[in-house]
PDB file of N, CA and C in Angstrom:
ATOM      1  N   MET A   1      -9.426   0.207 -12.164  1.00  0.00           N
ATOM      2  CA  MET A   1     -10.526   0.281 -12.059  1.00  0.00           C
ATOM      3  C   MET A   1     -11.459   1.142 -11.936  1.00  0.00           C
ATOM      4  N   VAL A   2     -12.403   1.156 -12.747  1.00  0.00           N
ATOM      5  CA  VAL A   2     -13.533   2.237 -12.479  1.00  0.00           C
ATOM      6  C   VAL A   2     -13.840   2.142 -11.660  1.00  0.00           C
ATOM      7  N   ALA A   3     -14.640   2.905 -10.571  1.00  0.00           N
ATOM      8  CA  ALA A   3     -15.269   2.963  -9.731  1.00  0.00           C
ATOM      9  C   ALA A   3     -16.774   3.344 -10.403  1.00  0.00           C
ATOM     10  N   VAL A   4     -18.046   2.588 -10.618  1.00  0.00           N
ATOM     11  CA  VAL A   4     -19.134   2.903 -10.717  1.00  0.00           C
ATOM     12  C   VAL A   4     -20.035   2.498 -10.219  1.00  0.00           C
ATOM     13  N   ASN A   5     -20.814   3.509 -10.086  1.00  0.00           N
ATOM     14  CA  ASN A   5     -22.328   3.534  -8.679  1.00  0.00           C
ATOM     15  C   ASN A   5     -24.072   3.159  -9.764  1.00  0.00           C
ATOM     16  N   MET A   6     -23.959   2.505  -9.156  1.00  0.00           N
ATOM     17  CA  MET A   6     -25.110   1.375 -10.235  1.00  0.00           C
ATOM     18  C   MET A   6     -25.853   0.742  -8.755  1.00  0.00           C
ATOM     19  N   GLY A   7     -27.285   0.854  -9.123  1.00  0.00           N
ATOM     20  CA  GLY A   7     -28.197   0.375  -8.782  1.00  0.00           C
ATOM     21  C   GLY A   7     -28.050  -1.281  -8.439  1.00  0.00           C
ATOM     22  N   LYS A   8     -28.444  -2.008  -7.162  1.00  0.00           N
ATOM     23  CA  LYS A   8     -29.177  -2.945  -6.893  1.00  0.00           C
ATOM     24  C   LYS A   8     -28.981  -3.980  -8.118  1.00  0.00           C
ATOM     25  N   ASN A   9     -30.519  -3.807  -8.462  1.00  0.00           N
ATOM     26  CA  ASN A   9     -30.877  -4.421  -9.660  1.00  0.00           C
ATOM     27  C   ASN A   9     -29.919  -4.931 -10.819  1.00  0.00           C
ATOM     28  N   MET A  10     -28.956  -3.878 -11.119  1.00  0.00           N
ATOM     29  CA  MET A  10     -27.853  -3.657 -12.211  1.00  0.00           C
ATOM     30  C   MET A  10     -27.076  -4.463 -11.442  1.00  0.00           C
ATOM     31  N   HIS A  11     -26.431  -4.102 -10.647  1.00  0.00           N
ATOM     32  CA  HIS A  11     -25.103  -5.068  -9.892  1.00  0.00           C
ATOM     33  C   HIS A  11     -25.824  -6.515  -9.132  1.00  0.00           C
ATOM     34  N   ARG A  12     -26.793  -7.076  -9.364  1.00  0.00           N
ATOM     35  CA  ARG A  12     -27.275  -8.642  -9.604  1.00  0.00           C
ATOM     36  C   ARG A  12     -26.907  -8.905 -10.731  1.00  0.00           C
ATOM     37  N   ASN A  13     -28.064  -8.075 -11.490  1.00  0.00           N
ATOM     38  CA  ASN A  13     -27.881  -8.789 -13.205  1.00  0.00           C
ATOM     39  C   ASN A  13     -26.081  -9.201 -13.852  1.00  0.00           C
ATOM     40  N   ARG A  14     -25.390  -8.431 -13.452  1.00  0.00           N
ATOM     41  CA  ARG A  14     -23.956  -7.636 -14.293  1.00  0.00           C
ATOM     42  C   ARG A  14     -23.639  -9.193 -13.265  1.00  0.00           C
ATOM     43  N   HIS A  15     -23.423  -9.623 -12.197  1.00  0.00           N
ATOM     44  CA  HIS A  15     -22.911 -11.067 -11.822  1.00  0.00           C
ATOM     45  C   HIS A  15     -23.525 -11.433 -11.515  1.00  0.00           C
ATOM     46  N   HIS A  16     -24.718 -12.376 -12.471  1.00  0.00           N
ATOM     47  CA  HIS A  16     -25.968 -13.362 -12.431  1.00  0.00           C
ATOM     48  C   HIS A  16     -25.175 -14.942 -12.632  1.00  0.00           C
ATOM     49  N   ASN A  17     -24.131 -14.168 -13.710  1.00  0.00           N
ATOM     50  CA  ASN A  17     -23.885 -15.413 -13.955  1.00  0.00           C
ATOM     51  C   ASN A  17     -22.210 -16.308 -13.872  1.00  0.00           C
ATOM     52  N   LEU A  18     -22.014 -15.368 -12.471  1.00  0.00           N
ATOM     53  CA  LEU A  18     -21.179 -15.645 -12.426  1.00  0.00           C
ATOM     54  C   LEU A  18     -20.971 -16.447 -10.626  1.00  0.00           C
ATOM     55  N   GLY A  19     -20.208 -17.433 -10.863  1.00  0.00           N
ATOM     56  CA  GLY A  19     -19.976 -18.739  -9.508  1.00  0.00           C
ATOM     57  C   GLY A  19     -19.737 -17.681  -8.672  1.00  0.00           C
ATOM     58  N   ASN A  20     -20.156 -17.918  -7.818  1.00  0.00           N
ATOM     59  CA  ASN A  20     -20.699 -17.299  -6.138  1.00  0.00           C
ATOM     60  C   ASN A  20     -18.924 -16.820  -5.516  1.00  0.00           C
ATOM     61  N   THR A  21     -18.130 -18.023  -6.144  1.00  0.00           N
ATOM     62  CA  THR A  21     -16.798 -17.808  -5.326  1.00  0.00           C
ATOM     63  C   THR A  21     -16.378 -16.575  -6.271  1.00  0.00           C
ATOM     64  N   LEU A  22     -16.780 -16.541  -7.949  1.00  0.00           N
ATOM     65  CA  LEU A  22     -15.767 -15.129  -8.056  1.00  0.00           C
ATOM     66  C   LEU A  22     -16.801 -14.298  -7.893  1.00  0.00           C
ATOM     67  N   HIS A  23     -17.956 -13.997  -7.982  1.00  0.00           N
ATOM     68  CA  HIS A  23     -18.606 -12.584  -7.364  1.00  0.00           C
ATOM     69  C   HIS A  23     -18.083 -12.190  -5.736  1.00  0.00           C
ATOM     70  N   GLN A  24     -17.946 -13.316  -4.753  1.00  0.00           N
ATOM     71  CA  GLN A  24     -16.877 -12.881  -3.982  1.00  0.00           C
ATOM     72  C   GLN A  24     -15.554 -12.211  -4.342  1.00  0.00           C
ATOM     73  N   ASN A  25     -14.681 -12.933  -4.656  1.00  0.00           N
ATOM     74  CA  ASN A  25     -13.760 -12.325  -5.578  1.00  0.00           C
ATOM     75  C   ASN A  25     -13.695 -10.571  -5.676  1.00  0.00           C
ATOM     76  N   ILE A  26     -14.316 -10.938  -6.677  1.00  0.00           N
ATOM     77  CA  ILE A  26     -15.005  -9.096  -7.220  1.00  0.00           C
ATOM     78  C   ILE A  26     -14.887  -8.039  -6.139  1.00  0.00           C
ATOM     79  N   HIS A  27     -15.681  -8.593  -4.954  1.00  0.00           N
ATOM     80  CA  HIS A  27     -16.249  -7.785  -4.159  1.00  0.00           C
ATOM     81  C   HIS A  27     -15.280  -7.446  -2.888  1.00  0.00           C
ATOM     82  N   LYS A  28     -14.128  -8.227  -2.888  1.00  0.00           N
ATOM     83  CA  LYS A  28     -12.915  -8.295  -1.925  1.00  0.00           C
ATOM     84  C   LYS A  28     -11.949  -7.063  -2.280  1.00  0.00           C
ATOM     85  N   GLN A  29     -12.208  -6.442  -3.137  1.00  0.00           N
ATOM     86  CA  GLN A  29     -11.695  -5.178  -4.194  1.00  0.00           C
ATOM     87  C   GLN A  29     -12.761  -4.451  -3.352  1.00  0.00           C
ATOM     88  N   HIS A  30     -13.586  -4.734  -3.081  1.00  0.00           N
ATOM     89  CA  HIS A  30     -13.780  -3.039  -2.644  1.00  0.00           C
ATOM     90  C   HIS A  30     -14.526  -3.439  -1.100  1.00  0.00           C
ATOM     91  N   SER A  31     -14.636  -4.174  -0.059  1.00  0.00           N
ATOM     92  CA  SER A  31     -14.904  -5.342   0.838  1.00  0.00           C
ATOM     93  C   SER A  31     -14.716  -3.193   1.547  1.00  0.00           C
ATOM     94  N   ARG A  32     -15.716  -3.651   3.092  1.00  0.00           N
ATOM     95  CA  ARG A  32     -15.684  -2.821   3.748  1.00  0.00           C
ATOM     96  C   ARG A  32     -13.899  -3.235   5.139  1.00  0.00           C
ATOM     97  N   LYS A  33     -14.700  -1.549   5.198  1.00  0.00           N
ATOM     98  CA  LYS A  33     -12.968  -1.679   6.617  1.00  0.00           C
ATOM     99  C   LYS A  33     -13.137  -2.619   7.342  1.00  0.00           C
ATOM    100  N   LYS A  34     -12.755  -3.019   8.194  1.00  0.00           N
ATOM    101  CA  LYS A  34     -11.941  -4.016   9.440  1.00  0.00           C
ATOM    102  C   LYS A  34     -12.034  -3.259  10.724  1.00  0.00           C
ATOM    103  N   LYS A  35     -12.986  -3.669  11.503  1.00  0.00           N
ATOM    104  CA  LYS A  35     -13.599  -3.680  12.678  1.00  0.00           C
ATOM    105  C   LYS A  35     -12.057  -4.366  13.594  1.00  0.00           C
ATOM    106  N   TRP A  36     -12.286  -3.776  14.271  1.00  0.00           N
ATOM    107  CA  TRP A  36     -10.804  -3.184  15.890  1.00  0.00           C
ATOM    108  C   TRP A  36     -10.884  -4.933  16.003  1.00  0.00           C
ATOM    109  N   ASN A  37     -11.980  -5.598  16.294  1.00  0.00           N
ATOM    110  CA  ASN A  37     -11.547  -7.327  16.914  1.00  0.00           C
ATOM    111  C   ASN A  37     -11.092  -7.481  15.245  1.00  0.00           C
ATOM    112  N   GLU A  38     -11.451  -7.694  14.301  1.00  0.00           N
ATOM    113  CA  GLU A  38     -10.794  -8.490  13.527  1.00  0.00           C
ATOM    114  C   GLU A  38      -8.937  -7.940  12.428  1.00  0.00           C
ATOM    115  N   LEU A  39      -8.813  -6.911  13.353  1.00  0.00           N
ATOM    116  CA  LEU A  39      -7.587  -7.249  12.944  1.00  0.00           C
ATOM    117  C   LEU A  39      -6.574  -8.008  13.433  1.00  0.00           C
ATOM    118  N   SER A  40      -5.497  -8.076  13.324  1.00  0.00           N
ATOM    119  CA  SER A  40      -4.097  -9.039  13.797  1.00  0.00           C
ATOM    120  C   SER A  40      -3.599  -7.866  14.512  1.00  0.00           C
ATOM    121  N   PRO A  41      -3.081  -8.888  15.461  1.00  0.00           N
ATOM    122  CA  PRO A  41      -2.185  -8.093  16.783  1.00  0.00           C
ATOM    123  C   PRO A  41      -0.795  -7.232  15.865  1.00  0.00           C
ATOM    124  N   MET A  42      -0.592  -7.921  15.061  1.00  0.00           N
ATOM    125  CA  MET A  42       0.690  -6.789  14.702  1.00  0.00           C
ATOM    126  C   MET A  42      -0.527  -5.542  13.735  1.00  0.00           C
ATOM    127  N   ALA A  43      -1.074  -5.608  13.018  1.00  0.00           N
ATOM    128  CA  ALA A  43      -2.096  -4.652  13.182  1.00  0.00           C
ATOM    129  C   ALA A  43      -2.516  -3.759  13.991  1.00  0.00           C
ATOM    130  N   ARG A  44      -3.140  -4.234  14.897  1.00  0.00           N
ATOM    131  CA  ARG A  44      -3.038  -3.556  16.102  1.00  0.00           C
ATOM    132  C   ARG A  44      -2.043  -2.229  16.910  1.00  0.00           C
ATOM    133  N   PHE A  45      -1.107  -3.001  17.348  1.00  0.00           N
ATOM    134  CA  PHE A  45       0.230  -2.843  17.291  1.00  0.00           C
ATOM    135  C   PHE A  45       0.807  -1.157  16.612  1.00  0.00           C
ATOM    136  N   GLY A  46       0.180  -1.533  15.238  1.00  0.00           N
ATOM    137  CA  GLY A  46       1.197  -0.666  14.375  1.00  0.00           C
ATOM    138  C   GLY A  46      -0.027   0.284  14.442  1.00  0.00           C
ATOM    139  N   THR A  47      -1.015  -0.351  13.997  1.00  0.00           N
ATOM    140  CA  THR A  47      -2.063   1.421  14.504  1.00  0.00           C
ATOM    141  C   THR A  47      -2.079   2.024  16.077  1.00  0.00           C
ATOM    142  N   VAL A  48      -1.497   1.515  17.065  1.00  0.00           N
ATOM    143  CA  VAL A  48      -1.849   1.667  18.601  1.00  0.00           C
ATOM    144  C   VAL A  48      -0.137   2.808  18.086  1.00  0.00           C
ATOM    145  N   ALA A  49       0.723   2.253  18.006  1.00  0.00           N
ATOM    146  CA  ALA A  49       1.929   3.109  17.643  1.00  0.00           C
ATOM    147  C   ALA A  49       1.935   4.193  17.250  1.00  0.00           C
ATOM    148  N   ALA A  50       1.349   4.122  15.935  1.00  0.00           N
ATOM    149  CA  ALA A  50       0.845   5.318  14.919  1.00  0.00           C
ATOM    150  C   ALA A  50      -0.062   6.810  15.628  1.00  0.00           C
ATOM    151  N   GLY A  51      -0.748   7.044  16.698  1.00  0.00           N
ATOM    152  CA  GLY A  51      -1.926   6.743  17.256  1.00  0.00           C
ATOM    153  C   GLY A  51      -0.153   8.138  18.245  1.00  0.00           C
ATOM    154  N   ILE A  52       0.274   6.648  18.808  1.00  0.00           N
ATOM    155  CA  ILE A  52       0.843   7.260  20.118  1.00  0.00           C
ATOM    156  C   ILE A  52       1.917   8.553  19.000  1.00  0.00           C
ATOM    157  N   VAL A  53       2.465   7.850  18.237  1.00  0.00           N
ATOM    158  CA  VAL A  53       3.707   9.085  17.714  1.00  0.00           C
ATOM    159  C   VAL A  53       2.785  10.360  17.097  1.00  0.00           C
ATOM    160  N   GLN A  54       1.764  10.322  16.434  1.00  0.00           N
ATOM    161  CA  GLN A  54       0.729  11.712  16.174  1.00  0.00           C
ATOM    162  C   GLN A  54       1.052  12.344  17.386  1.00  0.00           C
ATOM    163  N   LEU A  55      -0.094  11.487  18.354  1.00  0.00           N
ATOM    164  CA  LEU A  55      -0.449  12.055  19.317  1.00  0.00           C
ATOM    165  C   LEU A  55       1.004  13.434  20.601  1.00  0.00           C
ATOM    166  N   SER A  56       2.275  12.391  20.148  1.00  0.00           N
ATOM    167  CA  SER A  56       3.494  12.844  20.358  1.00  0.00           C
ATOM    168  C   SER A  56       3.953  13.673  19.506  1.00  0.00           C
ATOM    169  N   LEU A  57       3.552  14.274  18.704  1.00  0.00           N
ATOM    170  CA  LEU A  57       3.979  15.208  17.550  1.00  0.00           C
ATOM    171  C   LEU A  57       3.435  16.409  18.239  1.00  0.00           C
ATOM    172  N   LEU A  58       2.065  16.118  18.479  1.00  0.00           N
ATOM    173  CA  LEU A  58       1.006  17.077  18.427  1.00  0.00           C
ATOM    174  C   LEU A  58       1.507  18.050  19.213  1.00  0.00           C
ATOM    175  N   VAL A  59       1.142  16.647  20.492  1.00  0.00           N
ATOM    176  CA  VAL A  59       2.052  17.443  22.032  1.00  0.00           C
ATOM    177  C   VAL A  59       3.184  18.217  21.528  1.00  0.00           C
ATOM    178  N   ALA A  60       3.790  18.216  21.535  1.00  0.00           N
ATOM    179  CA  ALA A  60       5.271  18.410  20.704  1.00  0.00           C
ATOM    180  C   ALA A  60       5.509  19.907  20.241  1.00  0.00           C
ATOM    181  N   ALA A  61       4.302  20.241  19.476  1.00  0.00           N
ATOM    182  CA  ALA A  61       4.435  21.032  18.372  1.00  0.00           C
ATOM    183  C   ALA A  61       3.329  22.033  19.079  1.00  0.00           C
ATOM    184  N   GLN A  62       2.381  22.242  19.496  1.00  0.00           N
ATOM    185  CA  GLN A  62       1.777  22.540  20.320  1.00  0.00           C
ATOM    186  C   GLN A  62       2.611  23.565  21.848  1.00  0.00           C
ATOM    187  N   THR A  63       3.427  22.187  22.777  1.00  0.00           N
ATOM    188  CA  THR A  63       4.385  22.958  23.656  1.00  0.00           C
ATOM    189  C   THR A  63       5.211  24.027  22.978  1.00  0.00           C
ATOM    190  N   ASP A  64       5.637  23.274  22.001  1.00  0.00           N
ATOM    191  CA  ASP A  64       6.813  24.348  21.181  1.00  0.00           C
ATOM    192  C   ASP A  64       5.984  25.376  20.613  1.00  0.00           C
ATOM    193  N   ILE A  65       5.081  25.954  20.350  1.00  0.00           N
ATOM    194  CA  ILE A  65       4.312  26.803  20.042  1.00  0.00           C
ATOM    195  C   ILE A  65       3.767  28.178  20.961  1.00  0.00           C
ATOM    196  N   THR A  66       3.602  27.106  22.444  1.00  0.00           N
ATOM    197  CA  THR A  66       3.203  28.406  23.251  1.00  0.00           C
ATOM    198  C   THR A  66       4.497  28.393  24.264  1.00  0.00           C
ATOM    199  N   ARG A  67       6.015  28.260  24.087  1.00  0.00           N
ATOM    200  CA  ARG A  67       6.895  28.680  24.856  1.00  0.00           C
ATOM    201  C   ARG A  67       7.798  29.329  24.369  1.00  0.00           C
ATOM    202  N   ARG A  68       8.041  29.052  22.587  1.00  0.00           N
ATOM    203  CA  ARG A  68       8.618  30.501  22.315  1.00  0.00           C
ATOM    204  C   ARG A  68       8.263  31.242  21.662  1.00  0.00           C
ATOM    205  N   PRO A  69       8.728  32.073  22.032  1.00  0.00           N
ATOM    206  CA  PRO A  69       8.727  32.887  21.011  1.00  0.00           C
ATOM    207  C   PRO A  69       8.145  34.543  19.660  1.00  0.00           C
ATOM    208  N   SER A  70       6.829  35.027  19.477  1.00  0.00           N
ATOM    209  CA  SER A  70       6.660  34.794  18.597  1.00  0.00           C
ATOM    210  C   SER A  70       7.385  35.151  17.254  1.00  0.00           C
ATOM    211  N   ALA A  71       8.179  35.572  17.838  1.00  0.00           N
ATOM    212  CA  ALA A  71       9.511  36.621  16.840  1.00  0.00           C
ATOM    213  C   ALA A  71      10.159  34.875  16.279  1.00  0.00           C
ATOM    214  N   GLN A  72      10.333  34.115  16.590  1.00  0.00           N
ATOM    215  CA  GLN A  72      10.944  33.629  16.259  1.00  0.00           C
ATOM    216  C   GLN A  72      10.063  32.026  16.122  1.00  0.00           C
ATOM    217  N   ILE A  73       9.027  32.714  15.624  1.00  0.00           N
ATOM    218  CA  ILE A  73       7.543  31.408  14.179  1.00  0.00           C
ATOM    219  C   ILE A  73       8.054  31.925  13.393  1.00  0.00           C
ATOM    220  N   ARG A  74       8.057  31.297  12.111  1.00  0.00           N
ATOM    221  CA  ARG A  74       7.400  32.414  10.936  1.00  0.00           C
ATOM    222  C   ARG A  74       5.500  32.232  11.080  1.00  0.00           C
ATOM    223  N   GLY A  75       5.505  33.459  10.876  1.00  0.00           N
ATOM    224  CA  GLY A  75       3.587  33.020  11.128  1.00  0.00           C
ATOM    225  C   GLY A  75       3.084  33.746  11.993  1.00  0.00           C
ATOM    226  N   SER A  76       1.754  33.520  12.088  1.00  0.00           N
ATOM    227  CA  SER A  76       1.278  33.458  13.328  1.00  0.00           C
ATOM    228  C   SER A  76       1.287  32.706  14.055  1.00  0.00           C
ATOM    229  N   LYS A  77       1.262  32.720  15.520  1.00  0.00           N
ATOM    230  CA  LYS A  77       1.438  31.275  16.635  1.00  0.00           C
ATOM    231  C   LYS A  77      -0.289  30.566  16.030  1.00  0.00           C
ATOM    232  N   ALA A  78      -1.363  31.332  16.054  1.00  0.00           N
ATOM    233  CA  ALA A  78      -3.006  30.697  15.529  1.00  0.00           C
ATOM    234  C   ALA A  78      -2.803  29.860  14.093  1.00  0.00           C
ATOM    235  N   MET A  79      -1.768  29.906  13.257  1.00  0.00           N
ATOM    236  CA  MET A  79      -2.034  29.944  11.954  1.00  0.00           C
ATOM    237  C   MET A  79      -1.152  27.869  12.387  1.00  0.00           C
ATOM    238  N   TRP A  80      -0.038  28.102  13.542  1.00  0.00           N
ATOM    239  CA  TRP A  80       0.777  27.548  13.657  1.00  0.00           C
ATOM    240  C   TRP A  80      -0.086  26.101  14.403  1.00  0.00           C
ATOM    241  N   ARG A  81      -0.853  26.705  15.557  1.00  0.00           N
ATOM    242  CA  ARG A  81      -1.825  25.656  15.488  1.00  0.00           C
ATOM    243  C   ARG A  81      -2.720  24.993  15.053  1.00  0.00           C
ATOM    244  N   LEU A  82      -3.285  25.775  14.754  1.00  0.00           N
ATOM    245  CA  LEU A  82      -4.225  24.704  13.818  1.00  0.00           C
ATOM    246  C   LEU A  82      -3.284  24.179  12.675  1.00  0.00           C
ATOM    247  N   ALA A  83      -3.078  24.214  12.185  1.00  0.00           N
ATOM    248  CA  ALA A  83      -1.137  23.680  11.241  1.00  0.00           C
ATOM    249  C   ALA A  83      -1.256  22.209  11.895  1.00  0.00           C
ATOM    250  N   THR A  84      -1.115  22.371  13.191  1.00  0.00           N
ATOM    251  CA  THR A  84      -0.249  21.144  13.762  1.00  0.00           C
ATOM    252  C   THR A  84      -1.573  20.282  13.673  1.00  0.00           C
ATOM    253  N   LEU A  85      -2.364  20.126  13.302  1.00  0.00           N
ATOM    254  CA  LEU A  85      -3.910  20.003  13.445  1.00  0.00           C
ATOM    255  C   LEU A  85      -3.787  18.789  12.715  1.00  0.00           C
ATOM    256  N   VAL A  86      -2.860  18.825  11.750  1.00  0.00           N
ATOM    257  CA  VAL A  86      -2.657  17.492  10.464  1.00  0.00           C
ATOM    258  C   VAL A  86      -2.214  16.868  10.612  1.00  0.00           C
ATOM    259  N   ASN A  87      -2.576  15.514  10.686  1.00  0.00           N
ATOM    260  CA  ASN A  87      -1.533  14.224  11.245  1.00  0.00           C
ATOM    261  C   ASN A  87      -0.437  14.583  10.187  1.00  0.00           C
ATOM    262  N   PHE A  88      -0.091  14.133  11.590  1.00  0.00           N
ATOM    263  CA  PHE A  88       1.871  14.052  10.799  1.00  0.00           C
ATOM    264  C   PHE A  88       2.322  15.289  10.446  1.00  0.00           C
ATOM    265  N   ILE A  89       1.903  15.478   8.821  1.00  0.00           N
ATOM    266  CA  ILE A  89       1.974  16.463   8.417  1.00  0.00           C
ATOM    267  C   ILE A  89       2.138  17.983   8.701  1.00  0.00           C
ATOM    268  N   GLY A  90       1.531  18.155   9.971  1.00  0.00           N
ATOM    269  CA  GLY A  90       1.616  19.322  10.002  1.00  0.00           C
ATOM    270  C   GLY A  90       2.501  19.936  10.656  1.00  0.00           C
ATOM    271  N   PRO A  91       2.845  19.071  12.019  1.00  0.00           N
ATOM    272  CA  PRO A  91       3.635  19.121  12.981  1.00  0.00           C
ATOM    273  C   PRO A  91       5.175  19.155  12.514  1.00  0.00           C
ATOM    274  N   ALA A  92       5.361  18.696  11.698  1.00  0.00           N
ATOM    275  CA  ALA A  92       6.248  17.833  10.877  1.00  0.00           C
ATOM    276  C   ALA A  92       6.296  19.117  10.501  1.00  0.00           C
ATOM    277  N   THR A  93       5.975  20.079   8.910  1.00  0.00           N
ATOM    278  CA  THR A  93       5.781  21.124   8.995  1.00  0.00           C
ATOM    279  C   THR A  93       6.748  23.058   9.390  1.00  0.00           C
ATOM    280  N   TYR A  94       5.587  22.060  10.769  1.00  0.00           N
ATOM    281  CA  TYR A  94       5.826  22.985  12.156  1.00  0.00           C
ATOM    282  C   TYR A  94       7.356  23.598  12.075  1.00  0.00           C
ATOM    283  N   PHE A  95       7.966  21.926  12.617  1.00  0.00           N
ATOM    284  CA  PHE A  95       9.610  21.766  13.091  1.00  0.00           C
ATOM    285  C   PHE A  95       9.817  22.590  11.851  1.00  0.00           C
ATOM    286  N   THR A  96       9.423  21.945  10.505  1.00  0.00           N
ATOM    287  CA  THR A  96      10.752  22.178   9.459  1.00  0.00           C
ATOM    288  C   THR A  96      10.547  23.488   8.894  1.00  0.00           C
ATOM    289  N   PHE A  97       9.497  24.500   8.821  1.00  0.00           N
ATOM    290  CA  PHE A  97       9.537  25.100   7.841  1.00  0.00           C
ATOM    291  C   PHE A  97       9.371  26.666   9.192  1.00  0.00           C
ATOM    292  N   GLY A  98       7.865  26.020  10.380  1.00  0.00           N
ATOM    293  CA  GLY A  98       7.821  27.480  11.439  1.00  0.00           C
ATOM    294  C   GLY A  98       8.787  27.734  12.029  1.00  0.00           C
ATOM    295  N   VAL A  99       9.483  26.999  12.947  1.00  0.00           N
ATOM    296  CA  VAL A  99      10.474  27.546  12.776  1.00  0.00           C
ATOM    297  C   VAL A  99      11.660  28.573  13.066  1.00  0.00           C
ATOM    298  N   LYS A 100      11.787  29.029  13.030  1.00  0.00           N
ATOM    299  CA  LYS A 100      13.377  30.116  13.025  1.00  0.00           C
ATOM    300  C   LYS A 100      14.992  29.538  13.036  1.00  0.00           C
ATOM    301  N   HIS A 101      15.239  29.155  12.681  1.00  0.00           N
ATOM    302  CA  HIS A 101      16.856  28.418  13.693  1.00  0.00           C
ATOM    303  C   HIS A 101      17.253  29.498  13.436  1.00  0.00           C
ATOM    304  N   ARG A 102      18.126  29.473  14.803  1.00  0.00           N
ATOM    305  CA  ARG A 102      19.382  30.581  15.028  1.00  0.00           C
ATOM    306  C   ARG A 102      20.542  29.763  14.046  1.00  0.00           C
ATOM    307  N   PRO A 103      21.734  30.191  13.635  1.00  0.00           N
ATOM    308  CA  PRO A 103      23.000  30.406  13.460  1.00  0.00           C
ATOM    309  C   PRO A 103      23.622  29.319  13.819  1.00  0.00           C
ATOM    310  N   VAL A 104      23.978  28.594  13.709  1.00  0.00           N
ATOM    311  CA  VAL A 104      25.509  28.208  14.831  1.00  0.00           C
ATOM    312  C   VAL A 104      26.802  28.602  14.986  1.00  0.00           C
ATOM    313  N   ALA A 105      26.708  29.204  16.417  1.00  0.00           N
ATOM    314  CA  ALA A 105      27.982  30.027  16.803  1.00  0.00           C
ATOM    315  C   ALA A 105      29.289  28.777  16.745  1.00  0.00           C
ATOM    316  N   LYS A 106      30.058  29.743  16.149  1.00  0.00           N
ATOM    317  CA  LYS A 106      31.632  28.504  15.960  1.00  0.00           C
ATOM    318  C   LYS A 106      32.279  29.049  16.730  1.00  0.00           C
TER     319      LYS A 106
END
């Protein structure tokens, strides 16, 4: 479905002959975001859990950048500090590509 920006009058005229139920069903497709108190308990739990994981990754990455010598990091520390601020992707990218891993001794 292509989103079309239309004025209120055009919108009203487009849906004028539609029944009230059908009109409401059309609007469910582009409904507003739910407020916190409208979320189910599982949705609230999932949101809080995702936030905790995100903050944990951010703190772990920032702590690692602080403690790790610059020679063991690909690129500048400042660049990686900014990159880790991007939700989930930043810390994962830092730990995957930003840290120089030592070869495993046999």
